PDB file of N, CA and C in Angstrom:
ATOM      1  N   MET A   1      82.785  23.487 -11.872  1.00  0.00           N
ATOM      2  CA  MET A   1      83.592  22.969 -12.664  1.00  0.00           C
ATOM      3  C   MET A   1      84.480  23.961 -13.357  1.00  0.00           C
ATOM      4  N   GLY A   2      83.599  24.581 -13.688  1.00  0.00           N
ATOM      5  CA  GLY A   2      83.770  25.953 -14.264  1.00  0.00           C
ATOM      6  C   GLY A   2      84.764  26.722 -14.010  1.00  0.00           C
ATOM      7  N   ARG A   3      84.301  26.883 -12.619  1.00  0.00           N
ATOM      8  CA  ARG A   3      85.642  27.676 -11.634  1.00  0.00           C
ATOM      9  C   ARG A   3      87.199  26.906 -11.261  1.00  0.00           C
ATOM     10  N   ILE A   4      87.223  25.854 -11.264  1.00  0.00           N
ATOM     11  CA  ILE A   4      87.826  25.499 -11.229  1.00  0.00           C
ATOM     12  C   ILE A   4      89.137  25.073 -11.865  1.00  0.00           C
ATOM     13  N   ILE A   5      88.357  25.603 -13.448  1.00  0.00           N
ATOM     14  CA  ILE A   5      89.266  25.914 -14.667  1.00  0.00           C
ATOM     15  C   ILE A   5      89.658  26.908 -14.857  1.00  0.00           C
ATOM     16  N   PHE A   6      88.883  28.413 -14.532  1.00  0.00           N
ATOM     17  CA  PHE A   6      89.030  29.538 -14.411  1.00  0.00           C
ATOM     18  C   PHE A   6      90.229  29.840 -13.257  1.00  0.00           C
ATOM     19  N   THR A   7      89.929  29.186 -12.369  1.00  0.00           N
ATOM     20  CA  THR A   7      91.006  29.426 -11.149  1.00  0.00           C
ATOM     21  C   THR A   7      92.153  28.820 -11.908  1.00  0.00           C
ATOM     22  N   THR A   8      92.719  27.854 -12.601  1.00  0.00           N
ATOM     23  CA  THR A   8      93.709  26.870 -12.392  1.00  0.00           C
ATOM     24  C   THR A   8      94.235  27.593 -14.043  1.00  0.00           C
ATOM     25  N   PHE A   9      93.500  28.024 -14.597  1.00  0.00           N
ATOM     26  CA  PHE A   9      94.092  29.117 -15.473  1.00  0.00           C
ATOM     27  C   PHE A   9      94.911  30.645 -15.306  1.00  0.00           C
ATOM     28  N   TRP A  10      94.367  31.206 -14.412  1.00  0.00           N
ATOM     29  CA  TRP A  10      94.740  32.480 -13.943  1.00  0.00           C
ATOM     30  C   TRP A  10      95.867  32.252 -13.156  1.00  0.00           C
ATOM     31  N   MET A  11      95.786  30.945 -12.331  1.00  0.00           N
ATOM     32  CA  MET A  11      97.015  31.086 -11.744  1.00  0.00           C
ATOM     33  C   MET A  11      98.212  30.403 -12.298  1.00  0.00           C
ATOM     34  N   VAL A  12      98.035  29.516 -13.275  1.00  0.00           N
ATOM     35  CA  VAL A  12      99.345  28.886 -14.002  1.00  0.00           C
ATOM     36  C   VAL A  12      99.859  30.027 -14.819  1.00  0.00           C
ATOM     37  N   PHE A  13      98.955  30.584 -15.528  1.00  0.00           N
ATOM     38  CA  PHE A  13      98.625  32.237 -16.554  1.00  0.00           C
ATOM     39  C   PHE A  13      99.806  33.232 -15.528  1.00  0.00           C
ATOM     40  N   ILE A  14      99.227  33.478 -14.453  1.00  0.00           N
ATOM     41  CA  ILE A  14     100.245  34.463 -13.393  1.00  0.00           C
ATOM     42  C   ILE A  14     101.384  34.218 -13.467  1.00  0.00           C
ATOM     43  N   ALA A  15     101.447  32.556 -13.033  1.00  0.00           N
ATOM     44  CA  ALA A  15     103.076  32.098 -12.703  1.00  0.00           C
ATOM     45  C   ALA A  15     104.050  32.251 -13.335  1.00  0.00           C
ATOM     46  N   GLU A  16     103.170  31.580 -15.037  1.00  0.00           N
ATOM     47  CA  GLU A  16     104.281  31.777 -15.973  1.00  0.00           C
ATOM     48  C   GLU A  16     104.576  33.453 -16.130  1.00  0.00           C
ATOM     49  N   LEU A  17     104.346  34.150 -16.505  1.00  0.00           N
ATOM     50  CA  LEU A  17     104.897  35.209 -16.907  1.00  0.00           C
ATOM     51  C   LEU A  17     105.935  35.869 -16.408  1.00  0.00           C
ATOM     52  N   GLY A  18     107.015  36.184 -16.937  1.00  0.00           N
ATOM     53  CA  GLY A  18     107.748  36.574 -16.736  1.00  0.00           C
ATOM     54  C   GLY A  18     108.722  35.666 -15.997  1.00  0.00           C
ATOM     55  N   ASP A  19     108.433  34.431 -16.458  1.00  0.00           N
ATOM     56  CA  ASP A  19     109.992  32.806 -15.275  1.00  0.00           C
ATOM     57  C   ASP A  19     110.453  32.958 -16.016  1.00  0.00           C
ATOM     58  N   LYS A  20     111.524  32.463 -16.269  1.00  0.00           N
ATOM     59  CA  LYS A  20     113.140  32.167 -16.608  1.00  0.00           C
ATOM     60  C   LYS A  20     112.168  30.740 -18.212  1.00  0.00           C
ATOM     61  N   THR A  21     111.017  30.402 -18.372  1.00  0.00           N
ATOM     62  CA  THR A  21     110.917  29.471 -18.921  1.00  0.00           C
ATOM     63  C   THR A  21     110.021  30.939 -20.783  1.00  0.00           C
ATOM     64  N   GLN A  22     109.503  31.215 -19.804  1.00  0.00           N
ATOM     65  CA  GLN A  22     108.748  32.212 -20.756  1.00  0.00           C
ATOM     66  C   GLN A  22     109.854  32.963 -21.937  1.00  0.00           C
ATOM     67  N   ILE A  23     110.979  33.707 -20.599  1.00  0.00           N
ATOM     68  CA  ILE A  23     112.387  34.294 -21.400  1.00  0.00           C
ATOM     69  C   ILE A  23     112.891  33.295 -22.457  1.00  0.00           C
ATOM     70  N   GLU A  24     113.109  31.960 -21.976  1.00  0.00           N
ATOM     71  CA  GLU A  24     113.597  30.868 -22.987  1.00  0.00           C
ATOM     72  C   GLU A  24     112.585  30.666 -24.109  1.00  0.00           C
ATOM     73  N   THR A  25     111.662  30.700 -23.860  1.00  0.00           N
ATOM     74  CA  THR A  25     110.728  30.430 -25.417  1.00  0.00           C
ATOM     75  C   THR A  25     111.240  31.857 -26.005  1.00  0.00           C
ATOM     76  N   MET A  26     110.763  32.820 -25.577  1.00  0.00           N
ATOM     77  CA  MET A  26     110.955  33.881 -26.046  1.00  0.00           C
ATOM     78  C   MET A  26     112.548  34.264 -27.465  1.00  0.00           C
ATOM     79  N   LEU A  27     113.310  33.623 -26.997  1.00  0.00           N
ATOM     80  CA  LEU A  27     115.059  33.592 -27.135  1.00  0.00           C
ATOM     81  C   LEU A  27     114.684  32.841 -28.451  1.00  0.00           C
ATOM     82  N   LEU A  28     114.181  31.740 -27.888  1.00  0.00           N
ATOM     83  CA  LEU A  28     114.018  30.471 -29.101  1.00  0.00           C
ATOM     84  C   LEU A  28     113.218  31.274 -30.221  1.00  0.00           C
ATOM     85  N   SER A  29     112.016  32.154 -29.975  1.00  0.00           N
ATOM     86  CA  SER A  29     110.870  32.229 -31.262  1.00  0.00           C
ATOM     87  C   SER A  29     111.895  33.334 -31.525  1.00  0.00           C
ATOM     88  N   SER A  30     112.903  34.017 -30.947  1.00  0.00           N
ATOM     89  CA  SER A  30     113.372  34.991 -32.213  1.00  0.00           C
ATOM     90  C   SER A  30     114.325  35.068 -32.909  1.00  0.00           C
ATOM     91  N   GLN A  31     115.071  33.823 -32.825  1.00  0.00           N
ATOM     92  CA  GLN A  31     115.791  32.948 -33.864  1.00  0.00           C
ATOM     93  C   GLN A  31     115.439  32.095 -34.068  1.00  0.00           C
ATOM     94  N   CYS A  32     114.216  31.905 -35.258  1.00  0.00           N
ATOM     95  CA  CYS A  32     113.259  31.831 -35.986  1.00  0.00           C
ATOM     96  C   CYS A  32     112.464  32.456 -37.237  1.00  0.00           C
ATOM     97  N   ASP A  33     112.591  31.335 -37.639  1.00  0.00           N
ATOM     98  CA  ASP A  33     112.422  32.211 -39.358  1.00  0.00           C
ATOM     99  C   ASP A  33     109.849  32.761 -38.979  1.00  0.00           C
ATOM    100  N   THR A  34     109.257  31.608 -38.261  1.00  0.00           N
ATOM    101  CA  THR A  34     108.448  31.384 -38.139  1.00  0.00           C
ATOM    102  C   THR A  34     108.246  30.908 -36.554  1.00  0.00           C
ATOM    103  N   PRO A  35     107.489  30.991 -35.869  1.00  0.00           N
ATOM    104  CA  PRO A  35     107.349  31.163 -34.538  1.00  0.00           C
ATOM    105  C   PRO A  35     106.245  30.107 -33.863  1.00  0.00           C
ATOM    106  N   LEU A  36     105.565  29.402 -35.065  1.00  0.00           N
ATOM    107  CA  LEU A  36     104.390  28.327 -34.862  1.00  0.00           C
ATOM    108  C   LEU A  36     105.772  26.990 -34.224  1.00  0.00           C
ATOM    109  N   PRO A  37     106.611  26.743 -35.223  1.00  0.00           N
ATOM    110  CA  PRO A  37     107.218  25.468 -34.133  1.00  0.00           C
ATOM    111  C   PRO A  37     107.686  26.034 -32.420  1.00  0.00           C
ATOM    112  N   VAL A  38     107.634  26.443 -32.496  1.00  0.00           N
ATOM    113  CA  VAL A  38     108.174  27.330 -30.837  1.00  0.00           C
ATOM    114  C   VAL A  38     106.677  27.509 -30.759  1.00  0.00           C
ATOM    115  N   PHE A  39     106.282  27.776 -30.376  1.00  0.00           N
ATOM    116  CA  PHE A  39     104.506  27.784 -29.950  1.00  0.00           C
ATOM    117  C   PHE A  39     104.011  26.339 -29.658  1.00  0.00           C
ATOM    118  N   ILE A  40     104.058  25.423 -30.342  1.00  0.00           N
ATOM    119  CA  ILE A  40     103.773  24.603 -30.007  1.00  0.00           C
ATOM    120  C   ILE A  40     104.297  23.377 -29.851  1.00  0.00           C
ATOM    121  N   GLY A  41     105.440  23.709 -29.289  1.00  0.00           N
ATOM    122  CA  GLY A  41     106.759  23.240 -29.147  1.00  0.00           C
ATOM    123  C   GLY A  41     106.287  23.460 -27.767  1.00  0.00           C
ATOM    124  N   SER A  42     106.443  24.687 -27.174  1.00  0.00           N
ATOM    125  CA  SER A  42     106.537  25.393 -25.110  1.00  0.00           C
ATOM    126  C   SER A  42     104.603  24.411 -25.158  1.00  0.00           C
ATOM    127  N   SER A  43     104.150  24.855 -26.449  1.00  0.00           N
ATOM    128  CA  SER A  43     102.511  24.715 -25.633  1.00  0.00           C
ATOM    129  C   SER A  43     102.425  23.087 -24.919  1.00  0.00           C
ATOM    130  N   LEU A  44     103.494  22.044 -26.093  1.00  0.00           N
ATOM    131  CA  LEU A  44     103.035  20.394 -25.918  1.00  0.00           C
ATOM    132  C   LEU A  44     104.076  20.783 -24.322  1.00  0.00           C
ATOM    133  N   ALA A  45     105.118  21.260 -24.165  1.00  0.00           N
ATOM    134  CA  ALA A  45     105.742  20.689 -23.063  1.00  0.00           C
ATOM    135  C   ALA A  45     105.044  21.422 -21.686  1.00  0.00           C
ATOM    136  N   LEU A  46     104.125  22.233 -21.369  1.00  0.00           N
ATOM    137  CA  LEU A  46     103.398  22.706 -20.773  1.00  0.00           C
ATOM    138  C   LEU A  46     102.283  21.554 -20.403  1.00  0.00           C
ATOM    139  N   ILE A  47     101.616  21.478 -21.199  1.00  0.00           N
ATOM    140  CA  ILE A  47     100.442  20.287 -21.282  1.00  0.00           C
ATOM    141  C   ILE A  47     101.329  19.225 -20.526  1.00  0.00           C
ATOM    142  N   CYS A  48     102.247  18.578 -21.192  1.00  0.00           N
ATOM    143  CA  CYS A  48     103.091  17.543 -20.137  1.00  0.00           C
ATOM    144  C   CYS A  48     103.503  17.726 -18.929  1.00  0.00           C
ATOM    145  N   SER A  49     103.629  18.580 -18.832  1.00  0.00           N
ATOM    146  CA  SER A  49     104.230  19.218 -17.473  1.00  0.00           C
ATOM    147  C   SER A  49     103.251  18.574 -16.454  1.00  0.00           C
ATOM    148  N   SER A  50     102.117  19.866 -17.006  1.00  0.00           N
ATOM    149  CA  SER A  50     101.048  20.288 -16.239  1.00  0.00           C
ATOM    150  C   SER A  50      99.639  18.386 -16.117  1.00  0.00           C
ATOM    151  N   PHE A  51     100.059  18.046 -16.910  1.00  0.00           N
ATOM    152  CA  PHE A  51      99.654  15.799 -16.099  1.00  0.00           C
ATOM    153  C   PHE A  51     100.373  15.813 -15.492  1.00  0.00           C
ATOM    154  N   ILE A  52     101.544  15.458 -15.681  1.00  0.00           N
ATOM    155  CA  ILE A  52     102.267  15.414 -14.710  1.00  0.00           C
ATOM    156  C   ILE A  52     102.236  15.162 -13.437  1.00  0.00           C
ATOM    157  N   ALA A  53     102.589  16.872 -13.356  1.00  0.00           N
ATOM    158  CA  ALA A  53     101.778  17.627 -11.428  1.00  0.00           C
ATOM    159  C   ALA A  53      99.991  17.479 -11.757  1.00  0.00           C
ATOM    160  N   VAL A  54      99.426  16.974 -12.877  1.00  0.00           N
ATOM    161  CA  VAL A  54      98.134  16.873 -11.627  1.00  0.00           C
ATOM    162  C   VAL A  54      98.478  14.966 -11.352  1.00  0.00           C
ATOM    163  N   CYS A  55      98.298  13.976 -12.522  1.00  0.00           N
ATOM    164  CA  CYS A  55      98.325  12.642 -12.185  1.00  0.00           C
ATOM    165  C   CYS A  55      99.546  12.831 -10.923  1.00  0.00           C
ATOM    166  N   ALA A  56     100.204  13.448 -10.449  1.00  0.00           N
ATOM    167  CA  ALA A  56     101.099  13.563  -9.563  1.00  0.00           C
ATOM    168  C   ALA A  56     100.360  13.715  -8.043  1.00  0.00           C
ATOM    169  N   GLY A  57      99.724  14.920  -8.505  1.00  0.00           N
ATOM    170  CA  GLY A  57      98.533  15.327  -6.842  1.00  0.00           C
ATOM    171  C   GLY A  57      98.234  14.306  -6.143  1.00  0.00           C
ATOM    172  N   SER A  58      97.056  14.070  -7.315  1.00  0.00           N
ATOM    173  CA  SER A  58      95.693  12.887  -7.462  1.00  0.00           C
ATOM    174  C   SER A  58      96.572  11.712  -6.578  1.00  0.00           C
ATOM    175  N   PHE A  59      97.626  10.556  -7.510  1.00  0.00           N
ATOM    176  CA  PHE A  59      98.366   9.945  -6.628  1.00  0.00           C
ATOM    177  C   PHE A  59      98.602  10.231  -4.942  1.00  0.00           C
ATOM    178  N   ILE A  60      99.308  11.576  -5.298  1.00  0.00           N
ATOM    179  CA  ILE A  60      99.958  11.601  -3.606  1.00  0.00           C
ATOM    180  C   ILE A  60      98.757  11.869  -2.604  1.00  0.00           C
ATOM    181  N   THR A  61      97.961  12.521  -2.877  1.00  0.00           N
ATOM    182  CA  THR A  61      96.520  13.213  -2.060  1.00  0.00           C
ATOM    183  C   THR A  61      95.833  11.693  -1.445  1.00  0.00           C
ATOM    184  N   LYS A  62      95.852  10.228  -2.054  1.00  0.00           N
ATOM    185  CA  LYS A  62      96.076   9.099  -1.733  1.00  0.00           C
ATOM    186  C   LYS A  62      96.539   8.770  -0.480  1.00  0.00           C
ATOM    187  N   TYR A  63      97.448   9.218  -0.422  1.00  0.00           N
ATOM    188  CA  TYR A  63      97.830   9.150   0.864  1.00  0.00           C
ATOM    189  C   TYR A  63      98.509   9.740   2.027  1.00  0.00           C
ATOM    190  N   ILE A  64      98.689  10.986   1.408  1.00  0.00           N
ATOM    191  CA  ILE A  64      98.781  12.089   2.434  1.00  0.00           C
ATOM    192  C   ILE A  64      97.597  13.953   2.222  1.00  0.00           C
ATOM    193  N   PRO A  65      96.950  13.998   3.432  1.00  0.00           N
ATOM    194  CA  PRO A  65      95.877  14.886   2.769  1.00  0.00           C
ATOM    195  C   PRO A  65      96.299  15.907   2.579  1.00  0.00           C
ATOM    196  N   PRO A  66      95.676  16.678   1.909  1.00  0.00           N
ATOM    197  CA  PRO A  66      95.733  17.727   0.991  1.00  0.00           C
ATOM    198  C   PRO A  66      96.296  18.923   1.932  1.00  0.00           C
ATOM    199  N   ASN A  67      95.148  19.566   3.293  1.00  0.00           N
ATOM    200  CA  ASN A  67      95.917  19.876   3.927  1.00  0.00           C
ATOM    201  C   ASN A  67      97.673  20.456   4.631  1.00  0.00           C
ATOM    202  N   LEU A  68      98.083  18.908   4.536  1.00  0.00           N
ATOM    203  CA  LEU A  68      99.706  18.687   4.851  1.00  0.00           C
ATOM    204  C   LEU A  68      99.863  18.759   3.676  1.00  0.00           C
ATOM    205  N   LEU A  69      99.467  18.644   2.907  1.00  0.00           N
ATOM    206  CA  LEU A  69     100.758  19.134   1.827  1.00  0.00           C
ATOM    207  C   LEU A  69     100.812  20.296   0.897  1.00  0.00           C
ATOM    208  N   GLN A  70      99.930  20.871   1.550  1.00  0.00           N
ATOM    209  CA  GLN A  70      99.699  22.637   1.655  1.00  0.00           C
ATOM    210  C   GLN A  70     100.746  22.826   2.318  1.00  0.00           C
ATOM    211  N   CYS A  71     100.275  22.323   3.389  1.00  0.00           N
ATOM    212  CA  CYS A  71     101.572  23.306   3.959  1.00  0.00           C
ATOM    213  C   CYS A  71     103.046  23.034   4.286  1.00  0.00           C
ATOM    214  N   LEU A  72     103.488  21.817   3.787  1.00  0.00           N
ATOM    215  CA  LEU A  72     104.468  21.438   3.234  1.00  0.00           C
ATOM    216  C   LEU A  72     105.377  22.237   2.050  1.00  0.00           C
ATOM    217  N   ALA A  73     103.922  22.379   1.138  1.00  0.00           N
ATOM    218  CA  ALA A  73     104.511  23.447  -0.346  1.00  0.00           C
ATOM    219  C   ALA A  73     104.957  24.318   0.428  1.00  0.00           C
ATOM    220  N   GLY A  74     103.876  24.743   1.396  1.00  0.00           N
ATOM    221  CA  GLY A  74     104.471  26.574   1.754  1.00  0.00           C
ATOM    222  C   GLY A  74     105.691  26.261   2.426  1.00  0.00           C
ATOM    223  N   SER A  75     105.971  25.231   3.124  1.00  0.00           N
ATOM    224  CA  SER A  75     106.907  25.149   3.822  1.00  0.00           C
ATOM    225  C   SER A  75     108.652  25.931   2.960  1.00  0.00           C
ATOM    226  N   ILE A  76     108.105  24.550   2.269  1.00  0.00           N
ATOM    227  CA  ILE A  76     109.421  24.576   1.177  1.00  0.00           C
ATOM    228  C   ILE A  76     109.501  25.949   0.266  1.00  0.00           C
ATOM    229  N   PHE A  77     108.389  26.661  -0.326  1.00  0.00           N
ATOM    230  CA  PHE A  77     108.313  27.982  -0.659  1.00  0.00           C
ATOM    231  C   PHE A  77     109.148  28.785   0.296  1.00  0.00           C
ATOM    232  N   ILE A  78     108.560  28.945   1.405  1.00  0.00           N
ATOM    233  CA  ILE A  78     109.626  29.854   2.245  1.00  0.00           C
ATOM    234  C   ILE A  78     111.143  29.375   2.511  1.00  0.00           C
ATOM    235  N   ILE A  79     111.072  28.292   2.904  1.00  0.00           N
ATOM    236  CA  ILE A  79     112.721  27.921   2.596  1.00  0.00           C
ATOM    237  C   ILE A  79     113.003  28.655   1.433  1.00  0.00           C
ATOM    238  N   MET A  80     112.978  28.080   0.577  1.00  0.00           N
ATOM    239  CA  MET A  80     113.699  28.501  -1.099  1.00  0.00           C
ATOM    240  C   MET A  80     113.756  29.413  -1.099  1.00  0.00           C
ATOM    241  N   GLY A  81     112.675  30.461  -0.706  1.00  0.00           N
ATOM    242  CA  GLY A  81     113.025  31.866  -0.415  1.00  0.00           C
ATOM    243  C   GLY A  81     113.985  32.413   0.368  1.00  0.00           C
ATOM    244  N   PHE A  82     114.229  32.329   1.426  1.00  0.00           N
ATOM    245  CA  PHE A  82     115.250  32.539   1.911  1.00  0.00           C
ATOM    246  C   PHE A  82     116.481  32.032   2.108  1.00  0.00           C
ATOM    247  N   LEU A  83     117.019  30.841   1.376  1.00  0.00           N
ATOM    248  CA  LEU A  83     117.607  30.226   1.043  1.00  0.00           C
ATOM    249  C   LEU A  83     118.630  31.223  -0.429  1.00  0.00           C
ATOM    250  N   ILE A  84     117.457  31.722  -1.643  1.00  0.00           N
ATOM    251  CA  ILE A  84     117.850  32.220  -2.091  1.00  0.00           C
ATOM    252  C   ILE A  84     117.638  33.936  -1.729  1.00  0.00           C
ATOM    253  N   LEU A  85     116.994  34.599  -0.777  1.00  0.00           N
ATOM    254  CA  LEU A  85     117.612  35.857  -0.302  1.00  0.00           C
ATOM    255  C   LEU A  85     118.901  35.885  -0.023  1.00  0.00           C
ATOM    256  N   PHE A  86     119.315  34.630   0.638  1.00  0.00           N
ATOM    257  CA  PHE A  86     121.004  34.944   1.521  1.00  0.00           C
ATOM    258  C   PHE A  86     121.928  34.432   0.670  1.00  0.00           C
ATOM    259  N   ASN A  87     121.479  34.157  -0.510  1.00  0.00           N
ATOM    260  CA  ASN A  87     122.740  33.464  -1.699  1.00  0.00           C
ATOM    261  C   ASN A  87     122.983  32.004  -1.509  1.00  0.00           C
ATOM    262  N   LYS A  88     121.989  31.345  -0.610  1.00  0.00           N
ATOM    263  CA  LYS A  88     122.453  29.659  -0.368  1.00  0.00           C
ATOM    264  C   LYS A  88     121.807  28.811  -1.309  1.00  0.00           C
ATOM    265  N   PHE A  89     121.117  29.359  -2.031  1.00  0.00           N
ATOM    266  CA  PHE A  89     120.384  28.429  -2.638  1.00  0.00           C
ATOM    267  C   PHE A  89     120.829  28.565  -4.663  1.00  0.00           C
TER     268      PHE A  89
END
């Protein structure tokens, strides 16, 4: 269980570094006198979105095998990458 927590932490942490959500959070905190409300709001948002993702993943894997989901997710990321690369997205 500890390994899953550690792996999940680092995957989400690295994925969130430098993305548009983090940049927006930096901009919001630069406009406030105290950054604590921005930190609390952004933390709650990440918790809520993670909760939705975990619930959806638990529900979906009851009907679709995890290896098929991985292939679908990988294919979608590749397609999105090509669309972004060729300015079609």
